[in-house]
């Protein structure tokens, strides 16, 4: 798990120069893989492991970008997206979905709810995801 207090202090110490990424993923292996990779790339990473925790961290941290799984405990990713889109303080945060759900209807629903991109985990290239995030934050 990420130490959010340390992340917040680190961001303050650098004057907020380090972009904050919220990774919402309940699969520990992938969550840690993404955490390590994005930190190695110089990002400040905050993690959430269920939908309710994601919404709390969104309000507390106001990240620069969200990487969101859809199959989550408590609130699923579609519900999280709905909450983000309905909240004017959060609706400007770009969301990238990374999910096992790969049907066209799931992809369309995610994008209709405001996701700017959608990656299916089975075809996920972490290099491509990092490049996408870098491009969005420029």
Protein backbone atom coordinates (compact mmCIF):
# COMPACT_ATOMS: atom_id res chain seq x y z
CA UNK A 1 0.00 0.00 0.00
CA UNK A 2 1.10 3.55 -0.67
CA UNK A 3 1.78 5.81 2.27
CA UNK A 4 -0.48 8.73 1.32
CA UNK A 5 0.84 10.97 4.07
CA UNK A 6 4.35 10.63 2.69
CA UNK A 7 3.06 11.17 -0.87
CA UNK A 8 1.24 14.36 0.15
CA UNK A 9 4.28 15.65 2.03
CA UNK A 10 6.51 14.82 -0.94
CA UNK A 11 4.21 16.78 -3.26
CA UNK A 12 4.24 19.76 -0.89
CA UNK A 13 8.03 19.61 -0.64
CA UNK A 14 8.37 19.77 -4.42
CA UNK A 15 5.82 22.56 -4.73
CA UNK A 16 3.28 20.26 -6.32
CA UNK A 17 5.52 19.73 -9.34
CA UNK A 18 5.19 15.97 -9.20
CA UNK A 19 1.91 14.85 -10.86
CA UNK A 20 -0.37 12.76 -8.65
CA UNK A 21 -1.79 9.54 -10.07
CA UNK A 22 -4.57 7.70 -8.26
CA UNK A 23 -4.44 3.99 -9.06
CA UNK A 24 -7.69 2.23 -8.20
CA UNK A 25 -6.99 -1.50 -8.43
CA UNK A 26 -7.95 -4.34 -6.08
CA UNK A 27 -5.59 -6.94 -7.57
CA UNK A 28 -2.51 -6.57 -5.37
CA UNK A 29 0.01 -7.76 -7.95
CA UNK A 30 -1.09 -5.32 -10.66
CA UNK A 31 -1.61 -2.49 -8.14
CA UNK A 32 1.96 -2.87 -6.89
CA UNK A 33 3.37 -3.26 -10.40
CA UNK A 34 1.71 -0.01 -11.49
CA UNK A 35 2.74 1.73 -8.25
CA UNK A 36 6.41 0.82 -8.71
CA UNK A 37 6.48 1.67 -12.40
CA UNK A 38 4.82 5.06 -12.07
CA UNK A 39 6.99 5.99 -9.08
CA UNK A 40 10.07 4.96 -11.06
CA UNK A 41 8.86 7.32 -13.80
CA UNK A 42 8.73 10.19 -11.28
CA UNK A 43 5.05 10.30 -10.47
CA UNK A 44 3.50 10.67 -7.03
CA UNK A 45 1.21 7.63 -6.67
CA UNK A 46 -1.78 7.21 -4.39
CA UNK A 47 -3.62 3.90 -4.27
CA UNK A 48 -7.20 2.84 -3.55
CA UNK A 49 -8.36 -0.77 -3.42
CA UNK A 50 -12.14 -0.34 -3.63
CA UNK A 51 -14.66 2.14 -5.00
CA UNK A 52 -15.45 3.90 -1.74
CA UNK A 53 -11.77 4.39 -0.94
CA UNK A 54 -11.27 5.76 -4.47
CA UNK A 55 -13.92 8.43 -3.96
CA UNK A 56 -12.42 9.40 -0.59
CA UNK A 57 -8.92 9.71 -2.10
CA UNK A 58 -10.27 11.69 -5.05
CA UNK A 59 -11.70 14.30 -2.71
CA UNK A 60 -8.68 14.32 -0.36
CA UNK A 61 -5.89 14.29 -2.96
CA UNK A 62 -7.52 15.72 -6.12
CA UNK A 63 -5.11 13.73 -8.35
CA UNK A 64 -4.02 14.84 -11.80
CA UNK A 65 -5.19 11.56 -13.34
CA UNK A 66 -6.96 8.34 -12.30
CA UNK A 67 -6.24 4.80 -13.48
CA UNK A 68 -9.43 2.90 -12.67
CA UNK A 69 -10.36 -0.78 -12.60
CA UNK A 70 -14.05 -1.54 -13.09
CA UNK A 71 -14.47 -4.72 -11.06
CA UNK A 72 -13.99 -3.45 -7.51
CA UNK A 73 -15.37 -4.22 -4.06
CA UNK A 74 -17.98 -1.90 -2.48
CA UNK A 75 -18.54 0.38 -5.50
CA UNK A 76 -17.62 -0.73 -8.98
CA UNK A 77 -15.69 1.42 -11.41
CA UNK A 78 -18.81 2.46 -13.32
CA UNK A 79 -20.29 3.82 -10.07
CA UNK A 80 -17.03 5.64 -9.33
CA UNK A 81 -17.08 7.19 -12.82
CA UNK A 82 -20.70 8.24 -12.32
CA UNK A 83 -19.79 9.94 -9.03
CA UNK A 84 -16.81 11.69 -10.64
CA UNK A 85 -18.90 12.99 -13.54
CA UNK A 86 -21.61 14.31 -11.19
CA UNK A 87 -19.17 16.16 -8.93
CA UNK A 88 -18.03 19.51 -10.40
CA UNK A 89 -14.89 19.45 -8.21
CA UNK A 90 -13.82 16.09 -9.66
CA UNK A 91 -15.27 16.02 -13.18
CA UNK A 92 -12.18 17.67 -14.70
CA UNK A 93 -9.88 14.80 -13.61
CA UNK A 94 -9.01 12.52 -16.55
CA UNK A 95 -9.81 8.83 -15.99
CA UNK A 96 -8.22 5.90 -17.81
CA UNK A 97 -9.94 2.55 -17.34
CA UNK A 98 -7.80 -0.59 -17.02
CA UNK A 99 -10.13 -3.58 -16.74
CA UNK A 100 -10.70 -7.24 -17.49
CA UNK A 101 -14.05 -6.24 -19.02
CA UNK A 102 -13.35 -6.02 -22.73
CA UNK A 103 -16.72 -6.15 -24.45
CA UNK A 104 -17.64 -3.25 -26.71
CA UNK A 105 -20.62 -2.42 -24.47
CA UNK A 106 -18.34 -2.07 -21.42
CA UNK A 107 -15.88 0.13 -23.32
CA UNK A 108 -18.70 2.30 -24.67
CA UNK A 109 -20.30 2.61 -21.22
CA UNK A 110 -16.97 3.62 -19.66
CA UNK A 111 -16.38 6.29 -22.27
CA UNK A 112 -19.96 7.57 -22.01
CA UNK A 113 -19.41 8.00 -18.27
CA UNK A 114 -16.34 10.12 -18.96
CA UNK A 115 -13.30 7.85 -19.27
CA UNK A 116 -10.82 9.26 -21.78
CA UNK A 117 -9.30 5.88 -22.62
CA UNK A 118 -9.86 2.19 -21.97
CA UNK A 119 -7.31 -0.62 -21.74
CA UNK A 120 -8.13 -4.31 -21.43
CA UNK A 121 -5.77 -5.92 -18.90
CA UNK A 122 -5.06 -8.94 -21.10
CA UNK A 123 -3.65 -6.60 -23.77
CA UNK A 124 -2.16 -4.00 -21.41
CA UNK A 125 1.25 -2.61 -22.22
CA UNK A 126 2.51 -0.75 -19.17
CA UNK A 127 4.90 1.21 -21.40
CA UNK A 128 1.94 2.35 -23.49
CA UNK A 129 -0.03 3.27 -20.36
CA UNK A 130 2.88 5.32 -18.99
CA UNK A 131 3.26 7.07 -22.35
CA UNK A 132 -0.48 7.84 -22.42
CA UNK A 133 -0.36 9.32 -18.90
CA UNK A 134 2.72 11.40 -19.76
CA UNK A 135 0.98 12.72 -22.87
CA UNK A 136 -2.16 13.67 -20.97
CA UNK A 137 -0.24 15.50 -18.25
CA UNK A 138 1.82 17.68 -20.62
